[in-house]
All heavy atoms as atom14 arrays in JSON, in Angstrom:
{
  "sequence": "AGLRSMFPSMVPGHLWERANALDLSSDLLASIIGAPLGGLLVGYAGGE",
  "atom14_mask": [
    [1, 1, 1, 1, 1, 0, 0, 0, 0, 0, 0, 0, 0, 0],
    [1, 1, 1, 1, 0, 0, 0, 0, 0, 0, 0, 0, 0, 0],
    [1, 1, 1, 1, 1, 1, 1, 1, 0, 0, 0, 0, 0, 0],
    [1, 1, 1, 1, 1, 1, 1, 1, 1, 1, 1, 0, 0, 0],
    [1, 1, 1, 1, 1, 1, 0, 0, 0, 0, 0, 0, 0, 0],
    [1, 1, 1, 1, 1, 1, 1, 1, 0, 0, 0, 0, 0, 0],
    [1, 1, 1, 1, 1, 1, 1, 1, 1, 1, 1, 0, 0, 0],
    [1, 1, 1, 1, 1, 1, 1, 0, 0, 0, 0, 0, 0, 0],
    [1, 1, 1, 1, 1, 1, 0, 0, 0, 0, 0, 0, 0, 0],
    [1, 1, 1, 1, 1, 1, 1, 1, 0, 0, 0, 0, 0, 0],
    [1, 1, 1, 1, 1, 1, 1, 0, 0, 0, 0, 0, 0, 0],
    [1, 1, 1, 1, 1, 1, 1, 0, 0, 0, 0, 0, 0, 0],
    [1, 1, 1, 1, 0, 0, 0, 0, 0, 0, 0, 0, 0, 0],
    [1, 1, 1, 1, 1, 1, 1, 1, 1, 1, 0, 0, 0, 0],
    [1, 1, 1, 1, 1, 1, 1, 1, 0, 0, 0, 0, 0, 0],
    [1, 1, 1, 1, 1, 1, 1, 1, 1, 1, 1, 1, 1, 1],
    [1, 1, 1, 1, 1, 1, 1, 1, 1, 0, 0, 0, 0, 0],
    [1, 1, 1, 1, 1, 1, 1, 1, 1, 1, 1, 0, 0, 0],
    [1, 1, 1, 1, 1, 0, 0, 0, 0, 0, 0, 0, 0, 0],
    [1, 1, 1, 1, 1, 1, 1, 1, 0, 0, 0, 0, 0, 0],
    [1, 1, 1, 1, 1, 0, 0, 0, 0, 0, 0, 0, 0, 0],
    [1, 1, 1, 1, 1, 1, 1, 1, 0, 0, 0, 0, 0, 0],
    [1, 1, 1, 1, 1, 1, 1, 1, 0, 0, 0, 0, 0, 0],
    [1, 1, 1, 1, 1, 1, 1, 1, 0, 0, 0, 0, 0, 0],
    [1, 1, 1, 1, 1, 1, 0, 0, 0, 0, 0, 0, 0, 0],
    [1, 1, 1, 1, 1, 1, 0, 0, 0, 0, 0, 0, 0, 0],
    [1, 1, 1, 1, 1, 1, 1, 1, 0, 0, 0, 0, 0, 0],
    [1, 1, 1, 1, 1, 1, 1, 1, 0, 0, 0, 0, 0, 0],
    [1, 1, 1, 1, 1, 1, 1, 1, 0, 0, 0, 0, 0, 0],
    [1, 1, 1, 1, 1, 0, 0, 0, 0, 0, 0, 0, 0, 0],
    [1, 1, 1, 1, 1, 1, 0, 0, 0, 0, 0, 0, 0, 0],
    [1, 1, 1, 1, 1, 1, 1, 1, 0, 0, 0, 0, 0, 0],
    [1, 1, 1, 1, 1, 1, 1, 1, 0, 0, 0, 0, 0, 0],
    [1, 1, 1, 1, 0, 0, 0, 0, 0, 0, 0, 0, 0, 0],
    [1, 1, 1, 1, 1, 0, 0, 0, 0, 0, 0, 0, 0, 0],
    [1, 1, 1, 1, 1, 1, 1, 0, 0, 0, 0, 0, 0, 0],
    [1, 1, 1, 1, 1, 1, 1, 1, 0, 0, 0, 0, 0, 0],
    [1, 1, 1, 1, 0, 0, 0, 0, 0, 0, 0, 0, 0, 0],
    [1, 1, 1, 1, 0, 0, 0, 0, 0, 0, 0, 0, 0, 0],
    [1, 1, 1, 1, 1, 1, 1, 1, 0, 0, 0, 0, 0, 0],
    [1, 1, 1, 1, 1, 1, 1, 1, 0, 0, 0, 0, 0, 0],
    [1, 1, 1, 1, 1, 1, 1, 0, 0, 0, 0, 0, 0, 0],
    [1, 1, 1, 1, 0, 0, 0, 0, 0, 0, 0, 0, 0, 0],
    [1, 1, 1, 1, 1, 1, 1, 1, 1, 1, 1, 1, 0, 0],
    [1, 1, 1, 1, 1, 0, 0, 0, 0, 0, 0, 0, 0, 0],
    [1, 1, 1, 1, 0, 0, 0, 0, 0, 0, 0, 0, 0, 0],
    [1, 1, 1, 1, 0, 0, 0, 0, 0, 0, 0, 0, 0, 0],
    [1, 1, 1, 1, 1, 1, 1, 1, 1, 0, 0, 0, 0, 0]
  ],
  "atom14_positions": [
    [[63.56, -68.65, 55.31], [63.41, -67.82, 54.11], [64.02, -68.51, 52.89], [63.48, -68.43, 51.79], [64.07, -66.46, 54.32], [0.0, 0.0, 0.0], [0.0, 0.0, 0.0], [0.0, 0.0, 0.0], [0.0, 0.0, 0.0], [0.0, 0.0, 0.0], [0.0, 0.0, 0.0], [0.0, 0.0, 0.0], [0.0, 0.0, 0.0], [0.0, 0.0, 0.0]],
    [[65.15, -69.18, 53.08], [65.79, -69.85, 51.95], [64.92, -70.92, 51.34], [64.77, -71.0, 50.11], [0.0, 0.0, 0.0], [0.0, 0.0, 0.0], [0.0, 0.0, 0.0], [0.0, 0.0, 0.0], [0.0, 0.0, 0.0], [0.0, 0.0, 0.0], [0.0, 0.0, 0.0], [0.0, 0.0, 0.0], [0.0, 0.0, 0.0], [0.0, 0.0, 0.0]],
    [[64.31, -71.75, 52.18], [63.45, -72.82, 51.67], [62.23, -72.25, 50.97], [61.89, -72.66, 49.85], [63.02, -73.73, 52.81], [64.12, -74.65, 53.37], [63.69, -75.24, 54.7], [64.43, -75.76, 52.37], [0.0, 0.0, 0.0], [0.0, 0.0, 0.0], [0.0, 0.0, 0.0], [0.0, 0.0, 0.0], [0.0, 0.0, 0.0], [0.0, 0.0, 0.0]],
    [[61.55, -71.33, 51.61], [60.3, -70.82, 51.03], [60.55, -70.01, 49.77], [59.75, -70.03, 48.84], [59.53, -70.01, 52.07], [58.16, -69.58, 51.62], [57.2, -69.46, 52.78], [56.65, -70.73, 53.18], [55.91, -70.91, 54.28], [55.67, -69.89, 55.09], [55.42, -72.09, 54.56], [0.0, 0.0, 0.0], [0.0, 0.0, 0.0], [0.0, 0.0, 0.0]],
    [[61.68, -69.31, 49.69], [61.97, -68.54, 48.49], [62.36, -69.43, 47.32], [62.34, -69.01, 46.16], [63.08, -67.52, 48.76], [64.3, -68.17, 49.04], [0.0, 0.0, 0.0], [0.0, 0.0, 0.0], [0.0, 0.0, 0.0], [0.0, 0.0, 0.0], [0.0, 0.0, 0.0], [0.0, 0.0, 0.0], [0.0, 0.0, 0.0], [0.0, 0.0, 0.0]],
    [[62.73, -70.69, 47.59], [63.07, -71.61, 46.51], [61.83, -72.15, 45.81], [61.9, -72.57, 44.65], [63.92, -72.76, 47.04], [65.35, -72.35, 47.38], [66.36, -73.7, 48.03], [66.57, -74.7, 46.55], [0.0, 0.0, 0.0], [0.0, 0.0, 0.0], [0.0, 0.0, 0.0], [0.0, 0.0, 0.0], [0.0, 0.0, 0.0], [0.0, 0.0, 0.0]],
    [[60.68, -72.16, 46.5], [59.47, -72.72, 45.9], [59.08, -71.99, 44.61], [58.93, -72.64, 43.56], [58.32, -72.69, 46.91], [58.25, -73.93, 47.76], [59.25, -74.23, 48.66], [57.19, -74.8, 47.66], [59.19, -75.37, 49.44], [57.11, -75.95, 48.43], [58.13, -76.23, 49.33], [0.0, 0.0, 0.0], [0.0, 0.0, 0.0], [0.0, 0.0, 0.0]],
    [[58.88, -70.66, 44.63], [58.51, -70.0, 43.37], [59.63, -69.97, 42.35], [59.38, -69.75, 41.16], [58.13, -68.58, 43.82], [58.86, -68.38, 45.09], [58.9, -69.72, 45.75], [0.0, 0.0, 0.0], [0.0, 0.0, 0.0], [0.0, 0.0, 0.0], [0.0, 0.0, 0.0], [0.0, 0.0, 0.0], [0.0, 0.0, 0.0], [0.0, 0.0, 0.0]],
    [[60.88, -70.17, 42.77], [61.99, -70.23, 41.82], [62.01, -71.55, 41.08], [62.37, -71.62, 39.9], [63.32, -70.04, 42.56], [63.39, -68.78, 43.17], [0.0, 0.0, 0.0], [0.0, 0.0, 0.0], [0.0, 0.0, 0.0], [0.0, 0.0, 0.0], [0.0, 0.0, 0.0], [0.0, 0.0, 0.0], [0.0, 0.0, 0.0], [0.0, 0.0, 0.0]],
    [[61.64, -72.63, 41.74], [61.7, -73.96, 41.15], [60.43, -74.34, 40.41], [60.47, -75.11, 39.45], [61.98, -75.01, 42.24], [63.3, -74.84, 42.97], [63.56, -76.1, 44.24], [63.94, -77.52, 43.22], [0.0, 0.0, 0.0], [0.0, 0.0, 0.0], [0.0, 0.0, 0.0], [0.0, 0.0, 0.0], [0.0, 0.0, 0.0], [0.0, 0.0, 0.0]],
    [[59.28, -73.82, 40.87], [57.98, -74.28, 40.39], [57.38, -73.28, 39.4], [57.39, -72.08, 39.65], [57.01, -74.47, 41.59], [55.63, -74.87, 41.12], [57.57, -75.51, 42.55], [0.0, 0.0, 0.0], [0.0, 0.0, 0.0], [0.0, 0.0, 0.0], [0.0, 0.0, 0.0], [0.0, 0.0, 0.0], [0.0, 0.0, 0.0], [0.0, 0.0, 0.0]],
    [[56.84, -73.74, 38.26], [56.17, -72.83, 37.32], [54.99, -72.13, 37.96], [54.35, -72.65, 38.89], [55.7, -73.77, 36.19], [56.54, -75.0, 36.32], [56.85, -75.13, 37.78], [0.0, 0.0, 0.0], [0.0, 0.0, 0.0], [0.0, 0.0, 0.0], [0.0, 0.0, 0.0], [0.0, 0.0, 0.0], [0.0, 0.0, 0.0], [0.0, 0.0, 0.0]],
    [[54.68, -70.91, 37.48], [53.63, -70.1, 38.08], [52.27, -70.76, 38.16], [51.51, -70.55, 39.11], [0.0, 0.0, 0.0], [0.0, 0.0, 0.0], [0.0, 0.0, 0.0], [0.0, 0.0, 0.0], [0.0, 0.0, 0.0], [0.0, 0.0, 0.0], [0.0, 0.0, 0.0], [0.0, 0.0, 0.0], [0.0, 0.0, 0.0], [0.0, 0.0, 0.0]],
    [[51.94, -71.61, 37.15], [50.6, -72.22, 37.16], [50.47, -73.3, 38.23], [49.37, -73.8, 38.47], [50.28, -72.8, 35.77], [51.12, -73.98, 35.38], [52.37, -73.86, 34.83], [50.88, -75.32, 35.47], [52.88, -75.07, 34.59], [52.0, -75.97, 34.97], [0.0, 0.0, 0.0], [0.0, 0.0, 0.0], [0.0, 0.0, 0.0], [0.0, 0.0, 0.0]],
    [[51.6, -73.65, 38.88], [51.56, -74.65, 39.96], [51.76, -74.03, 41.34], [51.91, -74.75, 42.33], [52.64, -75.71, 39.72], [52.42, -76.67, 38.55], [53.64, -77.57, 38.36], [51.17, -77.51, 38.76], [0.0, 0.0, 0.0], [0.0, 0.0, 0.0], [0.0, 0.0, 0.0], [0.0, 0.0, 0.0], [0.0, 0.0, 0.0], [0.0, 0.0, 0.0]],
    [[51.77, -72.7, 41.43], [52.06, -72.06, 42.71], [51.04, -72.42, 43.8], [51.41, -72.7, 44.93], [52.13, -70.55, 42.53], [53.48, -70.08, 42.06], [54.55, -70.86, 41.76], [53.87, -68.74, 41.82], [55.61, -70.09, 41.34], [55.23, -68.79, 41.37], [53.25, -67.5, 41.93], [55.94, -67.62, 41.05], [53.95, -66.36, 41.61], [55.29, -66.41, 41.17]],
    [[49.74, -72.41, 43.46], [48.75, -72.76, 44.49], [48.96, -74.18, 45.0], [48.89, -74.44, 46.2], [47.32, -72.6, 43.96], [46.76, -71.19, 43.98], [47.04, -70.43, 42.7], [47.74, -70.99, 41.82], [46.56, -69.29, 42.57], [0.0, 0.0, 0.0], [0.0, 0.0, 0.0], [0.0, 0.0, 0.0], [0.0, 0.0, 0.0], [0.0, 0.0, 0.0]],
    [[49.25, -75.11, 44.07], [49.49, -76.5, 44.46], [50.76, -76.59, 45.32], [50.8, -77.28, 46.33], [49.65, -77.38, 43.23], [48.34, -77.63, 42.47], [47.44, -78.58, 43.25], [46.35, -79.06, 42.42], [45.21, -78.44, 42.25], [44.99, -77.28, 42.84], [44.26, -78.96, 41.49], [0.0, 0.0, 0.0], [0.0, 0.0, 0.0], [0.0, 0.0, 0.0]],
    [[51.82, -75.89, 44.89], [53.08, -75.93, 45.65], [52.9, -75.32, 47.03], [53.42, -75.84, 48.03], [54.17, -75.2, 44.89], [0.0, 0.0, 0.0], [0.0, 0.0, 0.0], [0.0, 0.0, 0.0], [0.0, 0.0, 0.0], [0.0, 0.0, 0.0], [0.0, 0.0, 0.0], [0.0, 0.0, 0.0], [0.0, 0.0, 0.0], [0.0, 0.0, 0.0]],
    [[52.14, -74.22, 47.11], [51.9, -73.59, 48.4], [51.08, -74.5, 49.31], [51.32, -74.57, 50.52], [51.17, -72.26, 48.23], [52.08, -71.19, 47.65], [53.3, -71.28, 47.78], [51.5, -70.2, 47.0], [0.0, 0.0, 0.0], [0.0, 0.0, 0.0], [0.0, 0.0, 0.0], [0.0, 0.0, 0.0], [0.0, 0.0, 0.0], [0.0, 0.0, 0.0]],
    [[50.11, -75.19, 48.73], [49.32, -76.13, 49.53], [50.2, -77.26, 50.05], [50.07, -77.69, 51.2], [48.16, -76.69, 48.69], [0.0, 0.0, 0.0], [0.0, 0.0, 0.0], [0.0, 0.0, 0.0], [0.0, 0.0, 0.0], [0.0, 0.0, 0.0], [0.0, 0.0, 0.0], [0.0, 0.0, 0.0], [0.0, 0.0, 0.0], [0.0, 0.0, 0.0]],
    [[51.11, -77.74, 49.18], [52.02, -78.8, 49.62], [53.0, -78.28, 50.66], [53.33, -78.99, 51.64], [52.78, -79.35, 48.41], [53.61, -80.62, 48.65], [52.72, -81.77, 49.1], [54.36, -81.01, 47.38], [0.0, 0.0, 0.0], [0.0, 0.0, 0.0], [0.0, 0.0, 0.0], [0.0, 0.0, 0.0], [0.0, 0.0, 0.0], [0.0, 0.0, 0.0]],
    [[53.46, -77.06, 50.49], [54.34, -76.41, 51.47], [53.65, -76.37, 52.83], [54.21, -76.76, 53.86], [54.67, -75.01, 50.97], [55.6, -74.25, 51.91], [56.14, -74.86, 52.84], [55.77, -73.04, 51.69], [0.0, 0.0, 0.0], [0.0, 0.0, 0.0], [0.0, 0.0, 0.0], [0.0, 0.0, 0.0], [0.0, 0.0, 0.0], [0.0, 0.0, 0.0]],
    [[52.42, -75.88, 52.85], [51.66, -75.79, 54.1], [51.35, -77.18, 54.65], [51.38, -77.41, 55.87], [50.37, -75.01, 53.88], [50.55, -73.52, 53.55], [49.24, -72.92, 53.07], [51.09, -72.76, 54.75], [0.0, 0.0, 0.0], [0.0, 0.0, 0.0], [0.0, 0.0, 0.0], [0.0, 0.0, 0.0], [0.0, 0.0, 0.0], [0.0, 0.0, 0.0]],
    [[51.04, -78.13, 53.77], [50.75, -79.49, 54.21], [51.97, -80.12, 54.87], [51.86, -80.84, 55.86], [50.31, -80.36, 53.02], [49.11, -79.87, 52.46], [0.0, 0.0, 0.0], [0.0, 0.0, 0.0], [0.0, 0.0, 0.0], [0.0, 0.0, 0.0], [0.0, 0.0, 0.0], [0.0, 0.0, 0.0], [0.0, 0.0, 0.0], [0.0, 0.0, 0.0]],
    [[53.16, -79.82, 54.31], [54.39, -80.31, 54.91], [54.55, -79.77, 56.33], [54.94, -80.5, 57.25], [55.59, -79.88, 54.05], [56.81, -80.06, 54.72], [0.0, 0.0, 0.0], [0.0, 0.0, 0.0], [0.0, 0.0, 0.0], [0.0, 0.0, 0.0], [0.0, 0.0, 0.0], [0.0, 0.0, 0.0], [0.0, 0.0, 0.0], [0.0, 0.0, 0.0]],
    [[54.24, -78.5, 56.52], [54.33, -77.89, 57.84], [53.36, -78.58, 58.81], [53.7, -78.87, 59.97], [54.0, -76.4, 57.73], [54.5, -75.61, 58.93], [55.28, -76.15, 59.73], [54.08, -74.46, 59.08], [0.0, 0.0, 0.0], [0.0, 0.0, 0.0], [0.0, 0.0, 0.0], [0.0, 0.0, 0.0], [0.0, 0.0, 0.0], [0.0, 0.0, 0.0]],
    [[52.14, -78.83, 58.32], [51.13, -79.44, 59.18], [51.44, -80.92, 59.45], [51.24, -81.42, 60.56], [49.76, -79.28, 58.54], [49.28, -77.83, 58.45], [48.1, -77.7, 57.49], [48.91, -77.29, 59.82], [0.0, 0.0, 0.0], [0.0, 0.0, 0.0], [0.0, 0.0, 0.0], [0.0, 0.0, 0.0], [0.0, 0.0, 0.0], [0.0, 0.0, 0.0]],
    [[51.95, -81.61, 58.42], [52.35, -83.0, 58.62], [53.47, -83.08, 59.65], [53.5, -83.99, 60.49], [52.8, -83.62, 57.3], [53.23, -85.09, 57.34], [52.08, -85.97, 57.82], [53.71, -85.54, 55.96], [0.0, 0.0, 0.0], [0.0, 0.0, 0.0], [0.0, 0.0, 0.0], [0.0, 0.0, 0.0], [0.0, 0.0, 0.0], [0.0, 0.0, 0.0]],
    [[54.38, -82.1, 59.62], [55.45, -82.05, 60.61], [54.9, -81.9, 62.02], [55.41, -82.5, 62.97], [56.41, -80.91, 60.29], [0.0, 0.0, 0.0], [0.0, 0.0, 0.0], [0.0, 0.0, 0.0], [0.0, 0.0, 0.0], [0.0, 0.0, 0.0], [0.0, 0.0, 0.0], [0.0, 0.0, 0.0], [0.0, 0.0, 0.0], [0.0, 0.0, 0.0]],
    [[53.83, -81.11, 62.16], [53.24, -80.95, 63.5], [52.52, -82.23, 63.93], [52.5, -82.55, 65.12], [52.27, -79.76, 63.52], [51.12, -80.01, 62.74], [0.0, 0.0, 0.0], [0.0, 0.0, 0.0], [0.0, 0.0, 0.0], [0.0, 0.0, 0.0], [0.0, 0.0, 0.0], [0.0, 0.0, 0.0], [0.0, 0.0, 0.0], [0.0, 0.0, 0.0]],
    [[51.95, -82.96, 62.97], [51.3, -84.24, 63.31], [52.32, -85.22, 63.86], [52.07, -85.96, 64.81], [50.61, -84.83, 62.06], [49.46, -83.93, 61.62], [50.09, -86.24, 62.34], [48.87, -84.32, 60.27], [0.0, 0.0, 0.0], [0.0, 0.0, 0.0], [0.0, 0.0, 0.0], [0.0, 0.0, 0.0], [0.0, 0.0, 0.0], [0.0, 0.0, 0.0]],
    [[53.52, -85.22, 63.26], [54.58, -86.14, 63.68], [55.37, -85.56, 64.86], [55.56, -86.2, 65.89], [55.53, -86.44, 62.51], [54.78, -87.09, 61.36], [56.69, -87.33, 62.98], [55.6, -87.17, 60.07], [0.0, 0.0, 0.0], [0.0, 0.0, 0.0], [0.0, 0.0, 0.0], [0.0, 0.0, 0.0], [0.0, 0.0, 0.0], [0.0, 0.0, 0.0]],
    [[55.84, -84.33, 64.69], [56.79, -83.76, 65.63], [56.22, -83.39, 66.98], [56.85, -83.64, 68.02], [0.0, 0.0, 0.0], [0.0, 0.0, 0.0], [0.0, 0.0, 0.0], [0.0, 0.0, 0.0], [0.0, 0.0, 0.0], [0.0, 0.0, 0.0], [0.0, 0.0, 0.0], [0.0, 0.0, 0.0], [0.0, 0.0, 0.0], [0.0, 0.0, 0.0]],
    [[55.03, -82.77, 66.99], [54.47, -82.3, 68.27], [54.15, -83.46, 69.22], [54.59, -83.44, 70.37], [53.24, -81.44, 68.01], [0.0, 0.0, 0.0], [0.0, 0.0, 0.0], [0.0, 0.0, 0.0], [0.0, 0.0, 0.0], [0.0, 0.0, 0.0], [0.0, 0.0, 0.0], [0.0, 0.0, 0.0], [0.0, 0.0, 0.0], [0.0, 0.0, 0.0]],
    [[53.4, -84.49, 68.78], [53.18, -85.62, 69.71], [54.46, -86.33, 70.1], [54.62, -86.73, 71.26], [52.26, -86.55, 68.9], [51.61, -85.69, 67.88], [52.66, -84.67, 67.53], [0.0, 0.0, 0.0], [0.0, 0.0, 0.0], [0.0, 0.0, 0.0], [0.0, 0.0, 0.0], [0.0, 0.0, 0.0], [0.0, 0.0, 0.0], [0.0, 0.0, 0.0]],
    [[55.39, -86.48, 69.14], [56.66, -87.14, 69.46], [57.43, -86.35, 70.51], [58.0, -86.91, 71.45], [57.49, -87.3, 68.19], [58.85, -88.01, 68.35], [58.68, -89.39, 68.94], [59.56, -88.08, 67.0], [0.0, 0.0, 0.0], [0.0, 0.0, 0.0], [0.0, 0.0, 0.0], [0.0, 0.0, 0.0], [0.0, 0.0, 0.0], [0.0, 0.0, 0.0]],
    [[57.43, -85.02, 70.36], [58.1, -84.18, 71.34], [57.49, -84.31, 72.72], [58.2, -84.45, 73.72], [0.0, 0.0, 0.0], [0.0, 0.0, 0.0], [0.0, 0.0, 0.0], [0.0, 0.0, 0.0], [0.0, 0.0, 0.0], [0.0, 0.0, 0.0], [0.0, 0.0, 0.0], [0.0, 0.0, 0.0], [0.0, 0.0, 0.0], [0.0, 0.0, 0.0]],
    [[56.16, -84.27, 72.79], [55.48, -84.42, 74.08], [55.74, -85.78, 74.71], [55.97, -85.88, 75.93], [0.0, 0.0, 0.0], [0.0, 0.0, 0.0], [0.0, 0.0, 0.0], [0.0, 0.0, 0.0], [0.0, 0.0, 0.0], [0.0, 0.0, 0.0], [0.0, 0.0, 0.0], [0.0, 0.0, 0.0], [0.0, 0.0, 0.0], [0.0, 0.0, 0.0]],
    [[55.69, -86.83, 73.89], [55.94, -88.18, 74.41], [57.36, -88.32, 74.95], [57.58, -88.9, 76.02], [55.69, -89.22, 73.32], [54.24, -89.58, 73.02], [54.15, -90.41, 71.75], [53.63, -90.34, 74.2], [0.0, 0.0, 0.0], [0.0, 0.0, 0.0], [0.0, 0.0, 0.0], [0.0, 0.0, 0.0], [0.0, 0.0, 0.0], [0.0, 0.0, 0.0]],
    [[58.33, -87.81, 74.22], [59.72, -87.93, 74.66], [59.97, -87.19, 75.96], [60.68, -87.68, 76.85], [60.67, -87.43, 73.56], [60.86, -88.37, 72.37], [61.64, -87.69, 71.26], [61.59, -89.64, 72.81], [0.0, 0.0, 0.0], [0.0, 0.0, 0.0], [0.0, 0.0, 0.0], [0.0, 0.0, 0.0], [0.0, 0.0, 0.0], [0.0, 0.0, 0.0]],
    [[59.39, -85.98, 76.08], [59.54, -85.25, 77.34], [58.87, -86.0, 78.48], [59.42, -86.12, 79.58], [58.96, -83.83, 77.22], [58.98, -83.14, 78.58], [59.75, -83.01, 76.22], [0.0, 0.0, 0.0], [0.0, 0.0, 0.0], [0.0, 0.0, 0.0], [0.0, 0.0, 0.0], [0.0, 0.0, 0.0], [0.0, 0.0, 0.0], [0.0, 0.0, 0.0]],
    [[57.66, -86.55, 78.21], [56.9, -87.22, 79.25], [57.53, -88.52, 79.72], [57.5, -88.83, 80.91], [0.0, 0.0, 0.0], [0.0, 0.0, 0.0], [0.0, 0.0, 0.0], [0.0, 0.0, 0.0], [0.0, 0.0, 0.0], [0.0, 0.0, 0.0], [0.0, 0.0, 0.0], [0.0, 0.0, 0.0], [0.0, 0.0, 0.0], [0.0, 0.0, 0.0]],
    [[58.14, -89.27, 78.79], [58.62, -90.62, 79.14], [60.13, -90.75, 79.19], [60.65, -91.67, 79.82], [58.05, -91.63, 78.14], [56.56, -91.77, 78.25], [55.72, -91.17, 77.32], [55.99, -92.49, 79.29], [54.34, -91.29, 77.42], [54.6, -92.61, 79.4], [53.79, -92.0, 78.46], [52.43, -92.1, 78.58], [0.0, 0.0, 0.0], [0.0, 0.0, 0.0]],
    [[60.87, -89.85, 78.53], [62.33, -89.96, 78.54], [63.0, -88.73, 79.15], [64.16, -88.81, 79.54], [62.85, -90.17, 77.11], [0.0, 0.0, 0.0], [0.0, 0.0, 0.0], [0.0, 0.0, 0.0], [0.0, 0.0, 0.0], [0.0, 0.0, 0.0], [0.0, 0.0, 0.0], [0.0, 0.0, 0.0], [0.0, 0.0, 0.0], [0.0, 0.0, 0.0]],
    [[62.29, -87.61, 79.19], [62.85, -86.39, 79.74], [63.2, -85.37, 78.66], [63.38, -85.71, 77.49], [0.0, 0.0, 0.0], [0.0, 0.0, 0.0], [0.0, 0.0, 0.0], [0.0, 0.0, 0.0], [0.0, 0.0, 0.0], [0.0, 0.0, 0.0], [0.0, 0.0, 0.0], [0.0, 0.0, 0.0], [0.0, 0.0, 0.0], [0.0, 0.0, 0.0]],
    [[63.29, -84.11, 79.08], [63.54, -83.03, 78.14], [64.86, -83.13, 77.43], [64.98, -82.78, 76.24], [0.0, 0.0, 0.0], [0.0, 0.0, 0.0], [0.0, 0.0, 0.0], [0.0, 0.0, 0.0], [0.0, 0.0, 0.0], [0.0, 0.0, 0.0], [0.0, 0.0, 0.0], [0.0, 0.0, 0.0], [0.0, 0.0, 0.0], [0.0, 0.0, 0.0]],
    [[65.9, -83.61, 78.12], [67.22, -83.72, 77.5], [67.21, -84.69, 76.32], [67.79, -84.41, 75.27], [68.26, -84.16, 78.52], [68.61, -83.12, 79.56], [67.65, -83.13, 80.74], [66.7, -83.94, 80.73], [67.84, -82.34, 81.69], [0.0, 0.0, 0.0], [0.0, 0.0, 0.0], [0.0, 0.0, 0.0], [0.0, 0.0, 0.0], [0.0, 0.0, 0.0]]
  ]
}
């Protein structure tokens, strides 16, 4: 909540759609990096 509530506080209203798209893109980019990395580490190094 803290991160997402900072977006409209920091960004002017006319850039909200762009900021929201970047916010969502960040989430999706994280899944591109994090999800495969997580699966690979569990598969080859173990859950710990």
